[in-house]
Amino acid sequence: MEYTFKRGYTADMERIEGILKEIFSSGITRNGERITLSYGALKSCQIWIENKKLNVLTESLPGAPDDMIMDTNRRFRKFLERATGYTTKQRVQMAKREAQGE
């Protein structure tokens, strides 16, 4: 997925890495301009910035328990909001507009 940054939110990997460390606290590695994360129901998550947009590629852990999935999703949504400046509702609205070609 590709996420736009809200005005005032910088496309800076150091800032993104700091937010990840605060929210997920472990399983984070950085290889150049990509950050890889493994936490809870996320088997793997790659994060990078391209064309001033946050790019995220995730792979779920099959058979993860519901409580683990809920915790991971909550943390991931919190990360996206703090990284991009947009709430979940705003990101959904933007995705719908893009899908309609506006």
PDB file of N, CA and C in Angstrom:
ATOM      1  N   MET A   1       0.847  -1.183   0.000  1.00  0.00           N
ATOM      2  CA  MET A   1       0.000   0.000   0.000  1.00  0.00           C
ATOM      3  C   MET A   1       0.887   1.240   0.000  1.00  0.00           C
ATOM      4  N   GLU A   2       0.312   2.291  -0.514  1.00  0.00           N
ATOM      5  CA  GLU A   2       1.009   3.561  -0.600  1.00  0.00           C
ATOM      6  C   GLU A   2       0.185   4.606   0.156  1.00  0.00           C
ATOM      7  N   TYR A   3       0.845   5.361   1.035  1.00  0.00           N
ATOM      8  CA  TYR A   3       0.151   6.333   1.864  1.00  0.00           C
ATOM      9  C   TYR A   3       0.755   7.720   1.672  1.00  0.00           C
ATOM     10  N   THR A   4      -0.118   8.710   1.524  1.00  0.00           N
ATOM     11  CA  THR A   4       0.292  10.103   1.374  1.00  0.00           C
ATOM     12  C   THR A   4       0.532  10.715   2.746  1.00  0.00           C
ATOM     13  N   PHE A   5       1.506  11.603   2.827  1.00  0.00           N
ATOM     14  CA  PHE A   5       1.765  12.331   4.065  1.00  0.00           C
ATOM     15  C   PHE A   5       0.933  13.610   4.095  1.00  0.00           C
ATOM     16  N   LYS A   6       0.341  13.873   5.243  1.00  0.00           N
ATOM     17  CA  LYS A   6      -0.402  15.106   5.449  1.00  0.00           C
ATOM     18  C   LYS A   6       0.592  16.269   5.489  1.00  0.00           C
ATOM     19  N   ARG A   7       0.144  17.441   5.101  1.00  0.00           N
ATOM     20  CA  ARG A   7       0.999  18.624   5.143  1.00  0.00           C
ATOM     21  C   ARG A   7       1.566  18.781   6.560  1.00  0.00           C
ATOM     22  N   GLY A   8       2.870  19.003   6.633  1.00  0.00           N
ATOM     23  CA  GLY A   8       3.530  19.160   7.923  1.00  0.00           C
ATOM     24  C   GLY A   8       4.169  17.879   8.442  1.00  0.00           C
ATOM     25  N   TYR A   9       3.866  16.745   7.812  1.00  0.00           N
ATOM     26  CA  TYR A   9       4.459  15.457   8.183  1.00  0.00           C
ATOM     27  C   TYR A   9       5.539  15.124   7.157  1.00  0.00           C
ATOM     28  N   THR A  10       6.770  15.010   7.619  1.00  0.00           N
ATOM     29  CA  THR A  10       7.879  14.824   6.695  1.00  0.00           C
ATOM     30  C   THR A  10       8.064  13.365   6.289  1.00  0.00           C
ATOM     31  N   ALA A  11       8.513  13.194   5.063  1.00  0.00           N
ATOM     32  CA  ALA A  11       8.842  11.870   4.533  1.00  0.00           C
ATOM     33  C   ALA A  11      10.291  11.575   4.920  1.00  0.00           C
ATOM     34  N   ASP A  12      10.496  11.290   6.211  1.00  0.00           N
ATOM     35  CA  ASP A  12      11.828  11.115   6.777  1.00  0.00           C
ATOM     36  C   ASP A  12      11.934   9.745   7.449  1.00  0.00           C
ATOM     37  N   MET A  13      12.843   8.911   6.968  1.00  0.00           N
ATOM     38  CA  MET A  13      12.952   7.546   7.483  1.00  0.00           C
ATOM     39  C   MET A  13      13.359   7.499   8.957  1.00  0.00           C
ATOM     40  N   GLU A  14      14.147   8.444   9.428  1.00  0.00           N
ATOM     41  CA  GLU A  14      14.526   8.461  10.843  1.00  0.00           C
ATOM     42  C   GLU A  14      13.291   8.685  11.716  1.00  0.00           C
ATOM     43  N   ARG A  15      12.429   9.587  11.289  1.00  0.00           N
ATOM     44  CA  ARG A  15      11.186   9.852  12.025  1.00  0.00           C
ATOM     45  C   ARG A  15      10.296   8.616  12.009  1.00  0.00           C
ATOM     46  N   ILE A  16      10.159   7.989  10.846  1.00  0.00           N
ATOM     47  CA  ILE A  16       9.334   6.786  10.712  1.00  0.00           C
ATOM     48  C   ILE A  16       9.879   5.674  11.600  1.00  0.00           C
ATOM     49  N   GLU A  17      11.191   5.477  11.588  1.00  0.00           N
ATOM     50  CA  GLU A  17      11.810   4.434  12.406  1.00  0.00           C
ATOM     51  C   GLU A  17      11.569   4.692  13.896  1.00  0.00           C
ATOM     52  N   GLY A  18      11.657   5.947  14.315  1.00  0.00           N
ATOM     53  CA  GLY A  18      11.396   6.298  15.709  1.00  0.00           C
ATOM     54  C   GLY A  18       9.971   5.963  16.126  1.00  0.00           C
ATOM     55  N   ILE A  19       9.014   6.250  15.263  1.00  0.00           N
ATOM     56  CA  ILE A  19       7.608   5.936  15.554  1.00  0.00           C
ATOM     57  C   ILE A  19       7.424   4.424  15.660  1.00  0.00           C
ATOM     58  N   LEU A  20       8.025   3.683  14.736  1.00  0.00           N
ATOM     59  CA  LEU A  20       7.930   2.222  14.776  1.00  0.00           C
ATOM     60  C   LEU A  20       8.476   1.674  16.088  1.00  0.00           C
ATOM     61  N   LYS A  21       9.625   2.189  16.519  1.00  0.00           N
ATOM     62  CA  LYS A  21      10.243   1.708  17.761  1.00  0.00           C
ATOM     63  C   LYS A  21       9.370   2.008  18.971  1.00  0.00           C
ATOM     64  N   GLU A  22       8.695   3.152  18.970  1.00  0.00           N
ATOM     65  CA  GLU A  22       7.802   3.502  20.077  1.00  0.00           C
ATOM     66  C   GLU A  22       6.590   2.577  20.132  1.00  0.00           C
ATOM     67  N   ILE A  23       6.035   2.251  18.978  1.00  0.00           N
ATOM     68  CA  ILE A  23       4.788   1.499  18.929  1.00  0.00           C
ATOM     69  C   ILE A  23       5.011  -0.011  18.990  1.00  0.00           C
ATOM     70  N   PHE A  24       6.022  -0.513  18.282  1.00  0.00           N
ATOM     71  CA  PHE A  24       6.231  -1.958  18.213  1.00  0.00           C
ATOM     72  C   PHE A  24       7.368  -2.446  19.112  1.00  0.00           C
ATOM     73  N   SER A  25       8.313  -1.609  19.440  1.00  0.00           N
ATOM     74  CA  SER A  25       9.396  -1.839  20.408  1.00  0.00           C
ATOM     75  C   SER A  25      10.388  -2.951  20.081  1.00  0.00           C
ATOM     76  N   SER A  26      10.083  -3.902  19.231  1.00  0.00           N
ATOM     77  CA  SER A  26      11.052  -4.956  18.910  1.00  0.00           C
ATOM     78  C   SER A  26      10.806  -5.507  17.515  1.00  0.00           C
ATOM     79  N   GLY A  27      11.765  -6.282  17.029  1.00  0.00           N
ATOM     80  CA  GLY A  27      11.620  -6.921  15.721  1.00  0.00           C
ATOM     81  C   GLY A  27      11.817  -5.983  14.559  1.00  0.00           C
ATOM     82  N   ILE A  28      12.492  -4.830  14.779  1.00  0.00           N
ATOM     83  CA  ILE A  28      12.672  -3.817  13.747  1.00  0.00           C
ATOM     84  C   ILE A  28      14.123  -3.810  13.281  1.00  0.00           C
ATOM     85  N   THR A  29      14.330  -3.913  11.977  1.00  0.00           N
ATOM     86  CA  THR A  29      15.675  -3.811  11.420  1.00  0.00           C
ATOM     87  C   THR A  29      15.652  -2.838  10.251  1.00  0.00           C
ATOM     88  N   ARG A  30      16.785  -2.191  10.034  1.00  0.00           N
ATOM     89  CA  ARG A  30      16.876  -1.234   8.932  1.00  0.00           C
ATOM     90  C   ARG A  30      17.999  -1.655   8.000  1.00  0.00           C
ATOM     91  N   ASN A  31      17.684  -1.682   6.711  1.00  0.00           N
ATOM     92  CA  ASN A  31      18.652  -2.023   5.688  1.00  0.00           C
ATOM     93  C   ASN A  31      18.623  -0.908   4.653  1.00  0.00           C
ATOM     94  N   GLY A  32      19.502   0.064   4.792  1.00  0.00           N
ATOM     95  CA  GLY A  32      19.516   1.206   3.888  1.00  0.00           C
ATOM     96  C   GLY A  32      18.276   2.051   4.062  1.00  0.00           C
ATOM     97  N   GLU A  33      17.496   2.151   3.017  1.00  0.00           N
ATOM     98  CA  GLU A  33      16.290   2.980   3.047  1.00  0.00           C
ATOM     99  C   GLU A  33      15.013   2.169   3.262  1.00  0.00           C
ATOM    100  N   ARG A  34      15.162   0.938   3.708  1.00  0.00           N
ATOM    101  CA  ARG A  34      13.993   0.098   4.011  1.00  0.00           C
ATOM    102  C   ARG A  34      14.052  -0.363   5.457  1.00  0.00           C
ATOM    103  N   ILE A  35      12.895  -0.387   6.075  1.00  0.00           N
ATOM    104  CA  ILE A  35      12.765  -0.895   7.434  1.00  0.00           C
ATOM    105  C   ILE A  35      11.921  -2.153   7.366  1.00  0.00           C
ATOM    106  N   THR A  36      12.377  -3.186   8.055  1.00  0.00           N
ATOM    107  CA  THR A  36      11.643  -4.442   8.110  1.00  0.00           C
ATOM    108  C   THR A  36      11.195  -4.667   9.544  1.00  0.00           C
ATOM    109  N   LEU A  37       9.983  -5.151   9.687  1.00  0.00           N
ATOM    110  CA  LEU A  37       9.381  -5.346  10.996  1.00  0.00           C
ATOM    111  C   LEU A  37       8.703  -6.708  11.036  1.00  0.00           C
ATOM    112  N   SER A  38       8.815  -7.363  12.171  1.00  0.00           N
ATOM    113  CA  SER A  38       8.080  -8.595  12.418  1.00  0.00           C
ATOM    114  C   SER A  38       7.516  -8.470  13.829  1.00  0.00           C
ATOM    115  N   TYR A  39       6.180  -8.505  13.933  1.00  0.00           N
ATOM    116  CA  TYR A  39       5.542  -8.321  15.233  1.00  0.00           C
ATOM    117  C   TYR A  39       4.163  -8.958  15.223  1.00  0.00           C
ATOM    118  N   GLY A  40       3.851  -9.725  16.242  1.00  0.00           N
ATOM    119  CA  GLY A  40       2.511 -10.285  16.403  1.00  0.00           C
ATOM    120  C   GLY A  40       2.012 -10.995  15.159  1.00  0.00           C
ATOM    121  N   ALA A  41       0.882 -10.529  14.635  1.00  0.00           N
ATOM    122  CA  ALA A  41       0.254 -11.145  13.469  1.00  0.00           C
ATOM    123  C   ALA A  41       0.895 -10.715  12.147  1.00  0.00           C
ATOM    124  N   LEU A  42       1.924  -9.852  12.233  1.00  0.00           N
ATOM    125  CA  LEU A  42       2.660  -9.460  11.027  1.00  0.00           C
ATOM    126  C   LEU A  42       3.879 -10.363  10.886  1.00  0.00           C
ATOM    127  N   LYS A  43       3.811 -11.280   9.953  1.00  0.00           N
ATOM    128  CA  LYS A  43       4.965 -12.149   9.696  1.00  0.00           C
ATOM    129  C   LYS A  43       6.131 -11.285   9.222  1.00  0.00           C
ATOM    130  N   SER A  44       5.827 -10.358   8.312  1.00  0.00           N
ATOM    131  CA  SER A  44       6.830  -9.390   7.880  1.00  0.00           C
ATOM    132  C   SER A  44       6.136  -8.132   7.374  1.00  0.00           C
ATOM    133  N   CYS A  45       6.843  -7.030   7.532  1.00  0.00           N
ATOM    134  CA  CYS A  45       6.340  -5.739   7.081  1.00  0.00           C
ATOM    135  C   CYS A  45       7.543  -4.933   6.603  1.00  0.00           C
ATOM    136  N   GLN A  46       7.527  -4.540   5.338  1.00  0.00           N
ATOM    137  CA  GLN A  46       8.592  -3.705   4.783  1.00  0.00           C
ATOM    138  C   GLN A  46       8.048  -2.301   4.594  1.00  0.00           C
ATOM    139  N   ILE A  47       8.855  -1.328   5.009  1.00  0.00           N
ATOM    140  CA  ILE A  47       8.435   0.071   4.945  1.00  0.00           C
ATOM    141  C   ILE A  47       9.535   0.883   4.276  1.00  0.00           C
ATOM    142  N   TRP A  48       9.150   1.717   3.310  1.00  0.00           N
ATOM    143  CA  TRP A  48      10.111   2.597   2.663  1.00  0.00           C
ATOM    144  C   TRP A  48       9.374   3.808   2.127  1.00  0.00           C
ATOM    145  N   ILE A  49      10.137   4.823   1.756  1.00  0.00           N
ATOM    146  CA  ILE A  49       9.567   6.044   1.186  1.00  0.00           C
ATOM    147  C   ILE A  49       9.994   6.125  -0.272  1.00  0.00           C
ATOM    148  N   GLU A  50       8.996   6.345  -1.127  1.00  0.00           N
ATOM    149  CA  GLU A  50       9.248   6.466  -2.561  1.00  0.00           C
ATOM    150  C   GLU A  50       8.311   7.523  -3.112  1.00  0.00           C
ATOM    151  N   ASN A  51       8.850   8.463  -3.886  1.00  0.00           N
ATOM    152  CA  ASN A  51       8.056   9.557  -4.464  1.00  0.00           C
ATOM    153  C   ASN A  51       7.280  10.316  -3.394  1.00  0.00           C
ATOM    154  N   LYS A  52       7.922  10.554  -2.256  1.00  0.00           N
ATOM    155  CA  LYS A  52       7.339  11.301  -1.130  1.00  0.00           C
ATOM    156  C   LYS A  52       6.094  10.635  -0.557  1.00  0.00           C
ATOM    157  N   LYS A  53       6.001   9.316  -0.710  1.00  0.00           N
ATOM    158  CA  LYS A  53       4.884   8.561  -0.148  1.00  0.00           C
ATOM    159  C   LYS A  53       5.432   7.413   0.687  1.00  0.00           C
ATOM    160  N   LEU A  54       4.685   7.063   1.730  1.00  0.00           N
ATOM    161  CA  LEU A  54       5.037   5.943   2.587  1.00  0.00           C
ATOM    162  C   LEU A  54       4.535   4.664   1.928  1.00  0.00           C
ATOM    163  N   ASN A  55       5.432   3.734   1.694  1.00  0.00           N
ATOM    164  CA  ASN A  55       5.073   2.451   1.079  1.00  0.00           C
ATOM    165  C   ASN A  55       5.190   1.359   2.125  1.00  0.00           C
ATOM    166  N   VAL A  56       4.183   0.502   2.183  1.00  0.00           N
ATOM    167  CA  VAL A  56       4.153  -0.570   3.171  1.00  0.00           C
ATOM    168  C   VAL A  56       3.727  -1.858   2.479  1.00  0.00           C
ATOM    169  N   LEU A  57       4.531  -2.896   2.667  1.00  0.00           N
ATOM    170  CA  LEU A  57       4.238  -4.218   2.115  1.00  0.00           C
ATOM    171  C   LEU A  57       4.186  -5.183   3.294  1.00  0.00           C
ATOM    172  N   THR A  58       3.020  -5.790   3.528  1.00  0.00           N
ATOM    173  CA  THR A  58       2.861  -6.665   4.698  1.00  0.00           C
ATOM    174  C   THR A  58       2.552  -8.096   4.297  1.00  0.00           C
ATOM    175  N   GLU A  59       2.934  -9.001   5.193  1.00  0.00           N
ATOM    176  CA  GLU A  59       2.583 -10.414   5.061  1.00  0.00           C
ATOM    177  C   GLU A  59       2.092 -10.861   6.433  1.00  0.00           C
ATOM    178  N   SER A  60       0.886 -11.407   6.479  1.00  0.00           N
ATOM    179  CA  SER A  60       0.273 -11.822   7.743  1.00  0.00           C
ATOM    180  C   SER A  60       0.768 -13.190   8.180  1.00  0.00           C
ATOM    181  N   LEU A  61       0.720 -13.415   9.481  1.00  0.00           N
ATOM    182  CA  LEU A  61       1.071 -14.707  10.059  1.00  0.00           C
ATOM    183  C   LEU A  61      -0.173 -15.587  10.023  1.00  0.00           C
ATOM    184  N   PRO A  62      -0.146 -16.678   9.265  1.00  0.00           N
ATOM    185  CA  PRO A  62      -1.327 -17.549   9.187  1.00  0.00           C
ATOM    186  C   PRO A  62      -1.633 -18.187  10.539  1.00  0.00           C
ATOM    187  N   GLY A  63      -2.902 -18.260  10.881  1.00  0.00           N
ATOM    188  CA  GLY A  63      -3.328 -18.924  12.108  1.00  0.00           C
ATOM    189  C   GLY A  63      -3.086 -18.142  13.380  1.00  0.00           C
ATOM    190  N   ALA A  64      -2.812 -16.847  13.279  1.00  0.00           N
ATOM    191  CA  ALA A  64      -2.593 -16.032  14.474  1.00  0.00           C
ATOM    192  C   ALA A  64      -3.891 -15.937  15.281  1.00  0.00           C
ATOM    193  N   PRO A  65      -3.795 -15.979  16.626  1.00  0.00           N
ATOM    194  CA  PRO A  65      -5.001 -15.870  17.450  1.00  0.00           C
ATOM    195  C   PRO A  65      -5.650 -14.482  17.324  1.00  0.00           C
ATOM    196  N   ASP A  66      -6.958 -14.431  17.555  1.00  0.00           N
ATOM    197  CA  ASP A  66      -7.710 -13.180  17.397  1.00  0.00           C
ATOM    198  C   ASP A  66      -7.154 -12.038  18.240  1.00  0.00           C
ATOM    199  N   ASP A  67      -6.782 -12.302  19.491  1.00  0.00           N
ATOM    200  CA  ASP A  67      -6.270 -11.223  20.346  1.00  0.00           C
ATOM    201  C   ASP A  67      -4.958 -10.665  19.801  1.00  0.00           C
ATOM    202  N   MET A  68      -4.126 -11.513  19.217  1.00  0.00           N
ATOM    203  CA  MET A  68      -2.879 -11.065  18.611  1.00  0.00           C
ATOM    204  C   MET A  68      -3.167 -10.216  17.376  1.00  0.00           C
ATOM    205  N   ILE A  69      -4.129 -10.644  16.577  1.00  0.00           N
ATOM    206  CA  ILE A  69      -4.509  -9.896  15.376  1.00  0.00           C
ATOM    207  C   ILE A  69      -5.035  -8.519  15.754  1.00  0.00           C
ATOM    208  N   MET A  70      -5.889  -8.459  16.758  1.00  0.00           N
ATOM    209  CA  MET A  70      -6.460  -7.179  17.183  1.00  0.00           C
ATOM    210  C   MET A  70      -5.384  -6.234  17.704  1.00  0.00           C
ATOM    211  N   ASP A  71      -4.452  -6.753  18.516  1.00  0.00           N
ATOM    212  CA  ASP A  71      -3.364  -5.925  19.046  1.00  0.00           C
ATOM    213  C   ASP A  71      -2.478  -5.412  17.910  1.00  0.00           C
ATOM    214  N   THR A  72      -2.124  -6.295  16.989  1.00  0.00           N
ATOM    215  CA  THR A  72      -1.266  -5.905  15.869  1.00  0.00           C
ATOM    216  C   THR A  72      -1.950  -4.856  15.001  1.00  0.00           C
ATOM    217  N   ASN A  73      -3.222  -5.069  14.683  1.00  0.00           N
ATOM    218  CA  ASN A  73      -3.969  -4.096  13.866  1.00  0.00           C
ATOM    219  C   ASN A  73      -4.069  -2.744  14.557  1.00  0.00           C
ATOM    220  N   ARG A  74      -4.315  -2.742  15.856  1.00  0.00           N
ATOM    221  CA  ARG A  74      -4.402  -1.487  16.618  1.00  0.00           C
ATOM    222  C   ARG A  74      -3.075  -0.730  16.556  1.00  0.00           C
ATOM    223  N   ARG A  75      -1.990  -1.442  16.767  1.00  0.00           N
ATOM    224  CA  ARG A  75      -0.661  -0.814  16.716  1.00  0.00           C
ATOM    225  C   ARG A  75      -0.345  -0.311  15.306  1.00  0.00           C
ATOM    226  N   PHE A  76      -0.699  -1.100  14.290  1.00  0.00           N
ATOM    227  CA  PHE A  76      -0.422  -0.709  12.911  1.00  0.00           C
ATOM    228  C   PHE A  76      -1.197   0.545  12.527  1.00  0.00           C
ATOM    229  N   ARG A  77      -2.470   0.610  12.902  1.00  0.00           N
ATOM    230  CA  ARG A  77      -3.281   1.820  12.629  1.00  0.00           C
ATOM    231  C   ARG A  77      -2.700   3.035  13.344  1.00  0.00           C
ATOM    232  N   LYS A  78      -2.262   2.841  14.586  1.00  0.00           N
ATOM    233  CA  LYS A  78      -1.649   3.923  15.355  1.00  0.00           C
ATOM    234  C   LYS A  78      -0.369   4.405  14.666  1.00  0.00           C
ATOM    235  N   PHE A  79       0.438   3.452  14.174  1.00  0.00           N
ATOM    236  CA  PHE A  79       1.652   3.812  13.444  1.00  0.00           C
ATOM    237  C   PHE A  79       1.316   4.649  12.215  1.00  0.00           C
ATOM    238  N   LEU A  80       0.368   4.174  11.399  1.00  0.00           N
ATOM    239  CA  LEU A  80       0.018   4.896  10.177  1.00  0.00           C
ATOM    240  C   LEU A  80      -0.478   6.311  10.477  1.00  0.00           C
ATOM    241  N   GLU A  81      -1.273   6.457  11.527  1.00  0.00           N
ATOM    242  CA  GLU A  81      -1.785   7.785  11.874  1.00  0.00           C
ATOM    243  C   GLU A  81      -0.655   8.713  12.301  1.00  0.00           C
ATOM    244  N   ARG A  82       0.244   8.215  13.130  1.00  0.00           N
ATOM    245  CA  ARG A  82       1.357   9.050  13.585  1.00  0.00           C
ATOM    246  C   ARG A  82       2.359   9.329  12.471  1.00  0.00           C
ATOM    247  N   ALA A  83       2.528   8.397  11.550  1.00  0.00           N
ATOM    248  CA  ALA A  83       3.493   8.572  10.461  1.00  0.00           C
ATOM    249  C   ALA A  83       2.971   9.509   9.378  1.00  0.00           C
ATOM    250  N   THR A  84       1.685   9.340   9.002  1.00  0.00           N
ATOM    251  CA  THR A  84       1.137  10.107   7.876  1.00  0.00           C
ATOM    252  C   THR A  84       0.341  11.338   8.293  1.00  0.00           C
ATOM    253  N   GLY A  85      -0.185  11.323   9.517  1.00  0.00           N
ATOM    254  CA  GLY A  85      -1.018  12.429   9.969  1.00  0.00           C
ATOM    255  C   GLY A  85      -2.494  12.233   9.667  1.00  0.00           C
ATOM    256  N   TYR A  86      -2.845  11.172   8.975  1.00  0.00           N
ATOM    257  CA  TYR A  86      -4.237  10.909   8.616  1.00  0.00           C
ATOM    258  C   TYR A  86      -4.816   9.797   9.491  1.00  0.00           C
ATOM    259  N   THR A  87      -6.054   9.979   9.921  1.00  0.00           N
ATOM    260  CA  THR A  87      -6.744   8.943  10.685  1.00  0.00           C
ATOM    261  C   THR A  87      -7.171   7.819   9.742  1.00  0.00           C
ATOM    262  N   THR A  88      -7.601   6.718  10.321  1.00  0.00           N
ATOM    263  CA  THR A  88      -8.075   5.591   9.510  1.00  0.00           C
ATOM    264  C   THR A  88      -9.225   6.039   8.616  1.00  0.00           C
ATOM    265  N   LYS A  89     -10.160   6.785   9.175  1.00  0.00           N
ATOM    266  CA  LYS A  89     -11.316   7.258   8.409  1.00  0.00           C
ATOM    267  C   LYS A  89     -10.874   8.126   7.229  1.00  0.00           C
ATOM    268  N   GLN A  90      -9.923   9.017   7.459  1.00  0.00           N
ATOM    269  CA  GLN A  90      -9.431   9.876   6.384  1.00  0.00           C
ATOM    270  C   GLN A  90      -8.711   9.067   5.306  1.00  0.00           C
ATOM    271  N   ARG A  91      -7.924   8.057   5.721  1.00  0.00           N
ATOM    272  CA  ARG A  91      -7.221   7.217   4.744  1.00  0.00           C
ATOM    273  C   ARG A  91      -8.209   6.435   3.886  1.00  0.00           C
ATOM    274  N   VAL A  92      -9.289   5.942   4.491  1.00  0.00           N
ATOM    275  CA  VAL A  92     -10.319   5.213   3.735  1.00  0.00           C
ATOM    276  C   VAL A  92     -10.985   6.143   2.726  1.00  0.00           C
ATOM    277  N   GLN A  93     -11.320   7.360   3.149  1.00  0.00           N
ATOM    278  CA  GLN A  93     -11.953   8.323   2.245  1.00  0.00           C
ATOM    279  C   GLN A  93     -11.036   8.666   1.074  1.00  0.00           C
ATOM    280  N   MET A  94      -9.741   8.849   1.349  1.00  0.00           N
ATOM    281  CA  MET A  94      -8.790   9.163   0.281  1.00  0.00           C
ATOM    282  C   MET A  94      -8.659   7.988  -0.690  1.00  0.00           C
ATOM    283  N   ALA A  95      -8.641   6.776  -0.166  1.00  0.00           N
ATOM    284  CA  ALA A  95      -8.530   5.585  -1.016  1.00  0.00           C
ATOM    285  C   ALA A  95      -9.758   5.452  -1.921  1.00  0.00           C
ATOM    286  N   LYS A  96     -10.941   5.752  -1.381  1.00  0.00           N
ATOM    287  CA  LYS A  96     -12.159   5.690  -2.190  1.00  0.00           C
ATOM    288  C   LYS A  96     -12.118   6.729  -3.311  1.00  0.00           C
ATOM    289  N   ARG A  97     -11.652   7.937  -3.001  1.00  0.00           N
ATOM    290  CA  ARG A  97     -11.553   8.981  -4.026  1.00  0.00           C
ATOM    291  C   ARG A  97     -10.574   8.571  -5.130  1.00  0.00           C
ATOM    292  N   GLU A  98      -9.426   8.003  -4.719  1.00  0.00           N
ATOM    293  CA  GLU A  98      -8.438   7.575  -5.705  1.00  0.00           C
ATOM    294  C   GLU A  98      -8.989   6.447  -6.578  1.00  0.00           C
ATOM    295  N   ALA A  99      -9.742   5.536  -5.984  1.00  0.00           N
ATOM    296  CA  ALA A  99     -10.311   4.416  -6.736  1.00  0.00           C
ATOM    297  C   ALA A  99     -11.338   4.898  -7.770  1.00  0.00           C
ATOM    298  N   GLN A 100     -12.010   6.011  -7.439  1.00  0.00           N
ATOM    299  CA  GLN A 100     -13.004   6.572  -8.364  1.00  0.00           C
ATOM    300  C   GLN A 100     -12.359   7.467  -9.420  1.00  0.00           C
ATOM    301  N   GLY A 101     -11.044   7.691  -9.268  1.00  0.00           N
ATOM    302  CA  GLY A 101     -10.320   8.488 -10.260  1.00  0.00           C
ATOM    303  C   GLY A 101     -10.437   9.978 -10.080  1.00  0.00           C
ATOM    304  N   GLU A 102     -10.713  10.437  -8.876  1.00  0.00           N
ATOM    305  CA  GLU A 102     -10.832  11.885  -8.642  1.00  0.00           C
ATOM    306  C   GLU A 102      -9.477  12.495  -8.442  1.00  0.00           C
TER     307      GLU A 102
END
